[in-house]
C-alpha atoms as a PDB file:
ATOM      1  CA  MET A   1      63.448  20.858 -68.468  1.00  0.00           C
ATOM      2  CA  ASN A   2      62.539  20.367 -72.133  1.00  0.00           C
ATOM      3  CA  ASP A   3      59.440  21.853 -73.736  1.00  0.00           C
ATOM      4  CA  LYS A   4      57.508  18.576 -73.894  1.00  0.00           C
ATOM      5  CA  ILE A   5      57.918  17.884 -70.186  1.00  0.00           C
ATOM      6  CA  ALA A   6      56.993  21.469 -69.341  1.00  0.00           C
ATOM      7  CA  ALA A   7      53.845  21.198 -71.456  1.00  0.00           C
ATOM      8  CA  ARG A   8      52.796  17.970 -69.738  1.00  0.00           C
ATOM      9  CA  ILE A   9      53.311  19.517 -66.318  1.00  0.00           C
ATOM     10  CA  LYS A  10      51.206  22.506 -67.329  1.00  0.00           C
ATOM     11  CA  ARG A  11      48.459  20.093 -68.430  1.00  0.00           C
ATOM     12  CA  GLY A  12      48.567  18.352 -65.060  1.00  0.00           C
ATOM     13  CA  GLN A  13      50.613  15.233 -65.666  1.00  0.00           C
ATOM     14  CA  VAL A  14      51.865  13.790 -62.381  1.00  0.00           C
ATOM     15  CA  PRO A  15      53.985  10.657 -61.775  1.00  0.00           C
ATOM     16  CA  GLN A  16      51.994   8.183 -59.674  1.00  0.00           C
ATOM     17  CA  GLN A  17      54.527   8.323 -56.838  1.00  0.00           C
ATOM     18  CA  ASP A  18      54.016  12.072 -56.450  1.00  0.00           C
ATOM     19  CA  ASN A  19      50.491  11.492 -55.185  1.00  0.00           C
ATOM     20  CA  GLU A  20      51.995  10.346 -51.900  1.00  0.00           C
ATOM     21  CA  ARG A  21      52.675  13.984 -51.045  1.00  0.00           C
ATOM     22  CA  PHE A  22      48.961  14.502 -50.456  1.00  0.00           C
ATOM     23  CA  SER A  23      47.802  11.061 -49.356  1.00  0.00           C
ATOM     24  CA  ALA A  24      47.555  12.100 -45.694  1.00  0.00           C
ATOM     25  CA  LEU A  25      45.159  14.957 -46.454  1.00  0.00           C
ATOM     26  CA  SER A  26      41.531  14.673 -45.379  1.00  0.00           C
ATOM     27  CA  THR A  27      38.776  14.477 -47.959  1.00  0.00           C
ATOM     28  CA  ALA A  28      37.802  18.065 -47.154  1.00  0.00           C
ATOM     29  CA  GLU A  29      41.375  19.211 -47.759  1.00  0.00           C
ATOM     30  CA  LEU A  30      41.548  17.309 -51.043  1.00  0.00           C
ATOM     31  CA  LEU A  31      38.327  18.972 -52.213  1.00  0.00           C
ATOM     32  CA  VAL A  32      39.944  22.338 -51.615  1.00  0.00           C
ATOM     33  CA  LEU A  33      43.034  21.148 -53.496  1.00  0.00           C
ATOM     34  CA  LEU A  34      40.842  20.373 -56.522  1.00  0.00           C
ATOM     35  CA  HIS A  35      40.521  24.151 -56.971  1.00  0.00           C
ATOM     36  CA  ASP A  36      44.253  24.883 -56.671  1.00  0.00           C
ATOM     37  CA  THR A  37      45.872  26.957 -59.410  1.00  0.00           C
ATOM     38  CA  ASP A  38      48.490  24.195 -59.869  1.00  0.00           C
ATOM     39  CA  ALA A  39      47.115  21.574 -62.282  1.00  0.00           C
ATOM     40  CA  GLN A  40      49.416  18.883 -60.899  1.00  0.00           C
ATOM     41  CA  LYS A  41      47.970  19.342 -57.429  1.00  0.00           C
ATOM     42  CA  ARG A  42      44.449  19.078 -58.834  1.00  0.00           C
ATOM     43  CA  THR A  43      45.442  15.849 -60.581  1.00  0.00           C
ATOM     44  CA  SER A  44      46.831  14.365 -57.378  1.00  0.00           C
ATOM     45  CA  ALA A  45      43.730  15.349 -55.414  1.00  0.00           C
ATOM     46  CA  ALA A  46      41.452  13.708 -57.994  1.00  0.00           C
ATOM     47  CA  ARG A  47      43.508  10.507 -58.033  1.00  0.00           C
ATOM     48  CA  ILE A  48      43.430  10.169 -54.252  1.00  0.00           C
ATOM     49  CA  LEU A  49      39.691  10.856 -54.055  1.00  0.00           C
ATOM     50  CA  GLY A  50      39.129   8.209 -56.702  1.00  0.00           C
ATOM     51  CA  LYS A  51      41.273   5.720 -54.820  1.00  0.00           C
ATOM     52  CA  ARG A  52      39.165   6.416 -51.728  1.00  0.00           C
ATOM     53  CA  LYS A  53      35.938   6.057 -53.764  1.00  0.00           C
ATOM     54  CA  SER A  54      34.725   9.154 -51.969  1.00  0.00           C
ATOM     55  CA  ALA A  55      30.995   9.699 -52.509  1.00  0.00           C
ATOM     56  CA  GLU A  56      31.352  12.981 -50.640  1.00  0.00           C
ATOM     57  CA  ALA A  57      33.537  14.245 -53.473  1.00  0.00           C
ATOM     58  CA  ILE A  58      31.019  13.608 -56.267  1.00  0.00           C
ATOM     59  CA  PRO A  59      29.520  17.133 -56.519  1.00  0.00           C
ATOM     60  CA  VAL A  60      32.927  18.831 -56.588  1.00  0.00           C
ATOM     61  CA  LEU A  61      34.395  16.288 -59.006  1.00  0.00           C
ATOM     62  CA  CYS A  62      31.441  16.806 -61.361  1.00  0.00           C
ATOM     63  CA  GLU A  63      31.839  20.573 -61.086  1.00  0.00           C
ATOM     64  CA  ARG A  64      35.547  20.316 -61.837  1.00  0.00           C
ATOM     65  CA  LEU A  65      34.941  17.937 -64.745  1.00  0.00           C
ATOM     66  CA  LYS A  66      32.827  20.649 -66.334  1.00  0.00           C
ATOM     67  CA  LEU A  67      35.340  23.438 -65.668  1.00  0.00           C
ATOM     68  CA  GLU A  68      38.726  21.726 -65.944  1.00  0.00           C
ATOM     69  CA  THR A  69      40.914  22.679 -68.905  1.00  0.00           C
ATOM     70  CA  ALA A  70      44.141  20.788 -68.105  1.00  0.00           C
ATOM     71  CA  LEU A  71      44.119  17.504 -70.055  1.00  0.00           C
ATOM     72  CA  TYR A  72      45.692  15.139 -67.530  1.00  0.00           C
ATOM     73  CA  THR A  73      43.723  16.650 -64.666  1.00  0.00           C
ATOM     74  CA  ARG A  74      40.456  16.197 -66.577  1.00  0.00           C
ATOM     75  CA  ILE A  75      41.377  12.558 -67.211  1.00  0.00           C
ATOM     76  CA  ALA A  76      42.136  12.061 -63.504  1.00  0.00           C
ATOM     77  CA  ILE A  77      38.776  13.572 -62.527  1.00  0.00           C
ATOM     78  CA  SER A  78      36.966  11.317 -64.993  1.00  0.00           C
ATOM     79  CA  GLU A  79      38.793   8.273 -63.654  1.00  0.00           C
ATOM     80  CA  ALA A  80      37.979   9.291 -60.083  1.00  0.00           C
ATOM     81  CA  LEU A  81      34.265   9.521 -60.837  1.00  0.00           C
ATOM     82  CA  GLY A  82      34.439   6.187 -62.622  1.00  0.00           C
ATOM     83  CA  ALA A  83      36.114   4.667 -59.568  1.00  0.00           C
ATOM     84  CA  VAL A  84      33.417   6.038 -57.245  1.00  0.00           C
ATOM     85  CA  GLY A  85      30.996   4.144 -59.432  1.00  0.00           C
ATOM     86  CA  GLU A  86      27.218   4.002 -59.336  1.00  0.00           C
ATOM     87  CA  PRO A  87      26.713   6.834 -56.808  1.00  0.00           C
ATOM     88  CA  ALA A  88      28.300   9.236 -59.330  1.00  0.00           C
ATOM     89  CA  LEU A  89      25.779   8.509 -62.092  1.00  0.00           C
ATOM     90  CA  GLY A  90      23.242  11.109 -60.956  1.00  0.00           C
ATOM     91  CA  GLY A  91      25.778  13.903 -61.296  1.00  0.00           C
ATOM     92  CA  LEU A  92      27.265  12.609 -64.521  1.00  0.00           C
ATOM     93  CA  ILE A  93      23.956  12.225 -66.345  1.00  0.00           C
ATOM     94  CA  GLU A  94      23.390  15.968 -65.962  1.00  0.00           C
ATOM     95  CA  LEU A  95      26.722  16.680 -67.656  1.00  0.00           C
ATOM     96  CA  LEU A  96      25.965  14.849 -70.916  1.00  0.00           C
ATOM     97  CA  GLY A  97      26.740  17.177 -73.793  1.00  0.00           C
ATOM     98  CA  GLN A  98      27.808  19.940 -71.400  1.00  0.00           C
ATOM     99  CA  VAL A  99      31.569  19.427 -71.102  1.00  0.00           C
ATOM    100  CA  GLY A 100      33.957  20.674 -73.778  1.00  0.00           C
ATOM    101  CA  GLY A 101      33.284  21.035 -77.480  1.00  0.00           C
ATOM    102  CA  ASN A 102      34.403  17.662 -78.804  1.00  0.00           C
ATOM    103  CA  GLN A 103      30.937  16.167 -79.322  1.00  0.00           C
ATOM    104  CA  GLN A 104      29.938  14.811 -82.744  1.00  0.00           C
ATOM    105  CA  GLN A 105      27.882  17.536 -84.433  1.00  0.00           C
ATOM    106  CA  THR A 106      28.061  16.462 -88.079  1.00  0.00           C
ATOM    107  CA  LEU A 107      28.219  13.245 -90.062  1.00  0.00           C
ATOM    108  CA  PRO A 108      31.721  11.778 -90.490  1.00  0.00           C
ATOM    109  CA  LEU A 109      33.540  11.850 -93.802  1.00  0.00           C
ATOM    110  CA  ARG A 110      34.799   8.285 -93.423  1.00  0.00           C
ATOM    111  CA  GLY A 111      34.074   5.168 -91.425  1.00  0.00           C
ATOM    112  CA  PHE A 112      35.628   3.634 -88.322  1.00  0.00           C
ATOM    113  CA  TYR A 113      37.626   0.606 -89.400  1.00  0.00           C
ATOM    114  CA  LYS A 114      38.448  -1.103 -86.102  1.00  0.00           C
ATOM    115  CA  LYS A 115      36.523  -4.041 -84.649  1.00  0.00           C
ATOM    116  CA  SER A 116      36.232  -2.294 -81.284  1.00  0.00           C
ATOM    117  CA  TYR A 117      33.406   0.036 -80.317  1.00  0.00           C
ATOM    118  CA  PRO A 118      34.477   3.677 -80.674  1.00  0.00           C
ATOM    119  CA  LEU A 119      34.964   5.608 -77.442  1.00  0.00           C
ATOM    120  CA  PRO A 120      32.395   8.362 -76.923  1.00  0.00           C
ATOM    121  CA  ARG A 121      33.806  11.789 -77.638  1.00  0.00           C
ATOM    122  CA  ASP A 122      31.741  13.357 -74.849  1.00  0.00           C
ATOM    123  CA  ILE A 123      33.683  13.093 -71.574  1.00  0.00           C
ATOM    124  CA  ALA A 124      30.586  12.616 -69.410  1.00  0.00           C
ATOM    125  CA  ALA A 125      29.481   9.671 -71.566  1.00  0.00           C
ATOM    126  CA  ARG A 126      33.031   8.343 -71.531  1.00  0.00           C
ATOM    127  CA  THR A 127      33.048   8.519 -67.740  1.00  0.00           C
ATOM    128  CA  MET A 128      29.713   6.741 -67.452  1.00  0.00           C
ATOM    129  CA  ILE A 129      30.933   3.811 -69.541  1.00  0.00           C
ATOM    130  CA  LYS A 130      33.635   3.276 -66.903  1.00  0.00           C
ATOM    131  CA  ILE A 131      30.782   2.518 -64.493  1.00  0.00           C
ATOM    132  CA  GLY A 132      29.128   0.168 -66.967  1.00  0.00           C
ATOM    133  CA  ARG A 133      25.740  -1.540 -66.831  1.00  0.00           C
ATOM    134  CA  PRO A 134      24.312   0.441 -63.878  1.00  0.00           C
ATOM    135  CA  ALA A 135      24.416   3.494 -66.179  1.00  0.00           C
ATOM    136  CA  LEU A 136      22.125   1.973 -68.820  1.00  0.00           C
ATOM    137  CA  PRO A 137      18.716   2.856 -67.290  1.00  0.00           C
ATOM    138  CA  LEU A 138      19.667   6.526 -66.902  1.00  0.00           C
ATOM    139  CA  LEU A 139      21.161   6.722 -70.377  1.00  0.00           C
ATOM    140  CA  ALA A 140      18.102   5.029 -71.889  1.00  0.00           C
ATOM    141  CA  GLN A 141      15.843   7.547 -70.166  1.00  0.00           C
ATOM    142  CA  VAL A 142      17.797  10.411 -71.729  1.00  0.00           C
ATOM    143  CA  VAL A 143      17.476   8.781 -75.167  1.00  0.00           C
ATOM    144  CA  ARG A 144      13.716   8.542 -74.664  1.00  0.00           C
ATOM    145  CA  GLN A 145      13.054  11.920 -73.072  1.00  0.00           C
ATOM    146  CA  GLY A 146      16.148  14.117 -73.122  1.00  0.00           C
ATOM    147  CA  GLU A 147      16.812  17.074 -75.358  1.00  0.00           C
ATOM    148  CA  ARG A 148      18.638  16.292 -78.569  1.00  0.00           C
ATOM    149  CA  GLY A 149      22.188  17.272 -77.535  1.00  0.00           C
ATOM    150  CA  ARG A 150      22.104  15.084 -74.444  1.00  0.00           C
ATOM    151  CA  ALA A 151      20.370  12.238 -76.267  1.00  0.00           C
ATOM    152  CA  LEU A 152      23.116  12.164 -78.896  1.00  0.00           C
ATOM    153  CA  GLU A 153      25.733  11.504 -76.227  1.00  0.00           C
ATOM    154  CA  ALA A 154      23.543   9.063 -74.312  1.00  0.00           C
ATOM    155  CA  ILE A 155      23.262   6.905 -77.453  1.00  0.00           C
ATOM    156  CA  ASP A 156      27.054   6.580 -77.528  1.00  0.00           C
ATOM    157  CA  GLY A 157      27.011   5.459 -73.902  1.00  0.00           C
ATOM    158  CA  VAL A 158      24.225   2.941 -74.464  1.00  0.00           C
ATOM    159  CA  GLY A 159      25.975   1.469 -77.489  1.00  0.00           C
ATOM    160  CA  HIS A 160      29.395   1.189 -75.881  1.00  0.00           C
ATOM    161  CA  ILE A 161      28.198  -0.336 -72.608  1.00  0.00           C
ATOM    162  CA  SER A 162      25.824  -2.750 -74.340  1.00  0.00           C
ATOM    163  CA  PHE A 163      28.513  -3.841 -76.813  1.00  0.00           C
ATOM    164  CA  TYR A 164      30.929  -4.851 -74.067  1.00  0.00           C
ATOM    165  CA  THR A 165      28.572  -6.036 -71.319  1.00  0.00           C
ATOM    166  CA  HIS A 166      25.565  -7.348 -73.298  1.00  0.00           C
ATOM    167  CA  GLY A 167      23.406  -5.177 -71.074  1.00  0.00           C
ATOM    168  CA  PRO A 168      19.668  -5.807 -71.556  1.00  0.00           C
ATOM    169  CA  GLY A 169      16.739  -3.563 -72.253  1.00  0.00           C
ATOM    170  CA  CYS A 170      17.944  -0.884 -74.679  1.00  0.00           C
ATOM    171  CA  GLU A 171      17.286  -2.338 -78.129  1.00  0.00           C
ATOM    172  CA  GLY A 172      13.656  -1.205 -78.125  1.00  0.00           C
ATOM    173  CA  VAL A 173      14.628   2.251 -76.886  1.00  0.00           C
ATOM    174  CA  LEU A 174      16.984   2.712 -79.830  1.00  0.00           C
ATOM    175  CA  MET A 175      14.494   1.325 -82.347  1.00  0.00           C
ATOM    176  CA  SER A 176      11.886   3.832 -81.158  1.00  0.00           C
ATOM    177  CA  ALA A 177      14.425   6.656 -81.255  1.00  0.00           C
ATOM    178  CA  TYR A 178      15.378   5.765 -84.829  1.00  0.00           C
ATOM    179  CA  GLU A 179      11.755   6.253 -85.881  1.00  0.00           C
ATOM    180  CA  LYS A 180      11.312   9.384 -83.757  1.00  0.00           C
ATOM    181  CA  TYR A 181      14.317  11.084 -85.373  1.00  0.00           C
ATOM    182  CA  ALA A 182      13.524  10.089 -88.954  1.00  0.00           C
ATOM    183  CA  ALA A 183      14.533  13.534 -90.237  1.00  0.00           C
ATOM    184  CA  ASP A 184      17.749  13.784 -88.205  1.00  0.00           C
ATOM    185  CA  GLU A 185      20.612  12.031 -90.010  1.00  0.00           C
ATOM    186  CA  VAL A 186      23.210  12.607 -87.290  1.00  0.00           C
ATOM    187  CA  MET A 187      20.925  11.084 -84.664  1.00  0.00           C
ATOM    188  CA  GLN A 188      20.082   8.160 -86.931  1.00  0.00           C
ATOM    189  CA  TRP A 189      23.755   7.602 -87.732  1.00  0.00           C
ATOM    190  CA  LYS A 190      24.579   7.367 -84.028  1.00  0.00           C
ATOM    191  CA  ILE A 191      21.747   4.907 -83.489  1.00  0.00           C
ATOM    192  CA  VAL A 192      22.859   2.784 -86.446  1.00  0.00           C
ATOM    193  CA  ARG A 193      26.347   2.699 -84.919  1.00  0.00           C
ATOM    194  CA  ALA A 194      24.875   1.608 -81.572  1.00  0.00           C
ATOM    195  CA  PHE A 195      22.968  -1.220 -83.271  1.00  0.00           C
ATOM    196  CA  GLN A 196      26.220  -3.180 -83.544  1.00  0.00           C
ATOM    197  CA  ALA A 197      25.549  -4.135 -79.910  1.00  0.00           C
ATOM    198  CA  PHE A 198      22.120  -5.701 -80.592  1.00  0.00           C
ATOM    199  CA  ALA A 199      21.550  -8.778 -82.742  1.00  0.00           C
ATOM    200  CA  GLY A 200      17.756  -8.885 -82.680  1.00  0.00           C
ATOM    201  CA  ALA A 201      15.874  -9.703 -85.866  1.00  0.00           C
ATOM    202  CA  GLY A 202      14.347  -6.217 -85.990  1.00  0.00           C
ATOM    203  CA  VAL A 203      17.761  -4.583 -85.858  1.00  0.00           C
ATOM    204  CA  GLN A 204      19.071  -6.869 -88.592  1.00  0.00           C
ATOM    205  CA  ARG A 205      16.147  -6.001 -90.865  1.00  0.00           C
ATOM    206  CA  LEU A 206      16.574  -2.278 -90.223  1.00  0.00           C
ATOM    207  CA  LEU A 207      20.309  -2.377 -90.959  1.00  0.00           C
ATOM    208  CA  ALA A 208      19.701  -4.321 -94.162  1.00  0.00           C
ATOM    209  CA  ALA A 209      17.109  -1.754 -95.247  1.00  0.00           C
ATOM    210  CA  VAL A 210      19.490   1.118 -94.547  1.00  0.00           C
ATOM    211  CA  ILE A 211      22.259  -0.538 -96.581  1.00  0.00           C
ATOM    212  CA  CYS A 212      20.023  -1.084 -99.586  1.00  0.00           C
ATOM    213  CA  SER A 213      17.852   2.012 -99.641  1.00  0.00           C
ATOM    214  CA  HIS A 214      18.934   4.921 -97.432  1.00  0.00           C
ATOM    215  CA  ASP A 215      19.875   8.127 -99.235  1.00  0.00           C
ATOM    216  CA  CYS A 216      22.704   8.977 -96.817  1.00  0.00           C
ATOM    217  CA  ALA A 217      26.035   7.284 -97.580  1.00  0.00           C
ATOM    218  CA  ALA A 218      27.292   7.681 -93.992  1.00  0.00           C
ATOM    219  CA  LEU A 219      24.303   5.726 -92.713  1.00  0.00           C
ATOM    220  CA  ARG A 220      24.789   3.039 -95.355  1.00  0.00           C
ATOM    221  CA  TRP A 221      28.445   2.474 -94.501  1.00  0.00           C
ATOM    222  CA  GLU A 222      27.743   2.570 -90.758  1.00  0.00           C
ATOM    223  CA  ALA A 223      24.934   0.051 -91.235  1.00  0.00           C
ATOM    224  CA  ALA A 224      27.314  -2.234 -93.152  1.00  0.00           C
ATOM    225  CA  ARG A 225      29.806  -2.044 -90.324  1.00  0.00           C
ATOM    226  CA  SER A 226      27.185  -2.641 -87.618  1.00  0.00           C
ATOM    227  CA  LEU A 227      25.631  -5.592 -89.429  1.00  0.00           C
ATOM    228  CA  GLY A 228      29.053  -7.139 -89.888  1.00  0.00           C
ATOM    229  CA  GLN A 229      29.867  -6.636 -86.217  1.00  0.00           C
ATOM    230  CA  LEU A 230      26.824  -8.688 -85.207  1.00  0.00           C
ATOM    231  CA  GLY A 231      28.419 -11.859 -86.557  1.00  0.00           C
ATOM    232  CA  VAL A 232      25.227 -13.040 -88.274  1.00  0.00           C
ATOM    233  CA  SER A 233      24.679 -14.346 -91.781  1.00  0.00           C
ATOM    234  CA  VAL A 234      24.065 -11.563 -94.292  1.00  0.00           C
ATOM    235  CA  PRO A 235      21.586 -12.162 -97.138  1.00  0.00           C
ATOM    236  CA  ALA A 236      23.309 -12.248-100.526  1.00  0.00           C
ATOM    237  CA  GLU A 237      21.177  -9.401-101.866  1.00  0.00           C
ATOM    238  CA  VAL A 238      22.204  -7.140 -98.955  1.00  0.00           C
ATOM    239  CA  LEU A 239      25.876  -7.920 -99.485  1.00  0.00           C
ATOM    240  CA  ASP A 240      25.481  -7.213-103.211  1.00  0.00           C
ATOM    241  CA  CYS A 241      23.833  -3.857-102.447  1.00  0.00           C
ATOM    242  CA  ALA A 242      26.778  -2.858-100.282  1.00  0.00           C
ATOM    243  CA  LEU A 243      29.498  -4.140-102.613  1.00  0.00           C
ATOM    244  CA  GLN A 244      27.908  -2.390-105.604  1.00  0.00           C
ATOM    245  CA  ASP A 245      27.115   0.876-103.837  1.00  0.00           C
ATOM    246  CA  HIS A 246      28.086   4.006-105.767  1.00  0.00           C
ATOM    247  CA  ASP A 247      29.875   5.333-102.662  1.00  0.00           C
ATOM    248  CA  GLY A 248      33.412   3.989-102.250  1.00  0.00           C
ATOM    249  CA  GLU A 249      33.308   4.125 -98.458  1.00  0.00           C
ATOM    250  CA  VAL A 250      30.228   1.905 -98.367  1.00  0.00           C
ATOM    251  CA  ARG A 251      31.963  -0.615-100.634  1.00  0.00           C
ATOM    252  CA  HIS A 252      35.076  -0.482 -98.431  1.00  0.00           C
ATOM    253  CA  MET A 253      33.052  -1.144 -95.279  1.00  0.00           C
ATOM    254  CA  ALA A 254      31.295  -4.031 -96.989  1.00  0.00           C
ATOM    255  CA  ARG A 255      34.607  -5.636 -97.892  1.00  0.00           C
ATOM    256  CA  LEU A 256      35.949  -5.149 -94.355  1.00  0.00           C
ATOM    257  CA  PHE A 257      32.905  -6.231 -92.354  1.00  0.00           C
ATOM    258  CA  LEU A 258      30.422  -8.114 -94.556  1.00  0.00           C
ATOM    259  CA  SER A 259      32.339 -10.209 -97.081  1.00  0.00           C
ATOM    260  CA  ASP A 260      32.893 -13.084 -94.637  1.00  0.00           C
ATOM    261  CA  ARG A 261      29.251 -13.065 -93.405  1.00  0.00           C
ATOM    262  CA  LYS A 262      27.657 -14.785 -96.410  1.00  0.00           C
END
């Protein structure tokens, strides 16, 4: 066995056909298997529970999502909770910002150049987007009332789900949050990124104002990207502001996302 294969096994990678070894186990037995010392067995247990859409497994799957360190096993647990669907949202919402250390804590040094919406870095938020629109009310509530760390991840979930499903009701929540966190550039940057999912006139005006007058370059380039993603006409003066910005990343984003929106 070469080193790469050994490393994948250690991280819980399992061929799909190997899950058949445990397919006859009861749900109770699979829940026990989720705590096995063998990461591959934990992966198989999570996959089978997800295939069964077992609501009974939600508390243990959420617990394991928080504790799991093996990459492929963690992915399998996330996919299982996503497959269970709406009943898993109550457990997942409590895990926002609590799993791992990959959450966005500082402003980026460069923009995101793809036309797609970036995947949330927080695994709980990433799992909730698998469930889709039913997650929006809970995520919006966290944006309105949750502590900052959880709200940061909820914004990613709101933006991603709304971008791909055109889910209603969250534009006003994000507009209010933008004002509430006027002194928090990381929070505002996340909200500006999420605005690419909402084409309302208020959002368009806010993005234009950020492009032309905000002190933070990261917000200006993110606003240029979001405004371009909306597919609306961009006033000539806003495009000029972006193309003449002193920050090269803002100018680059303007060329990528705004130049064809005149």
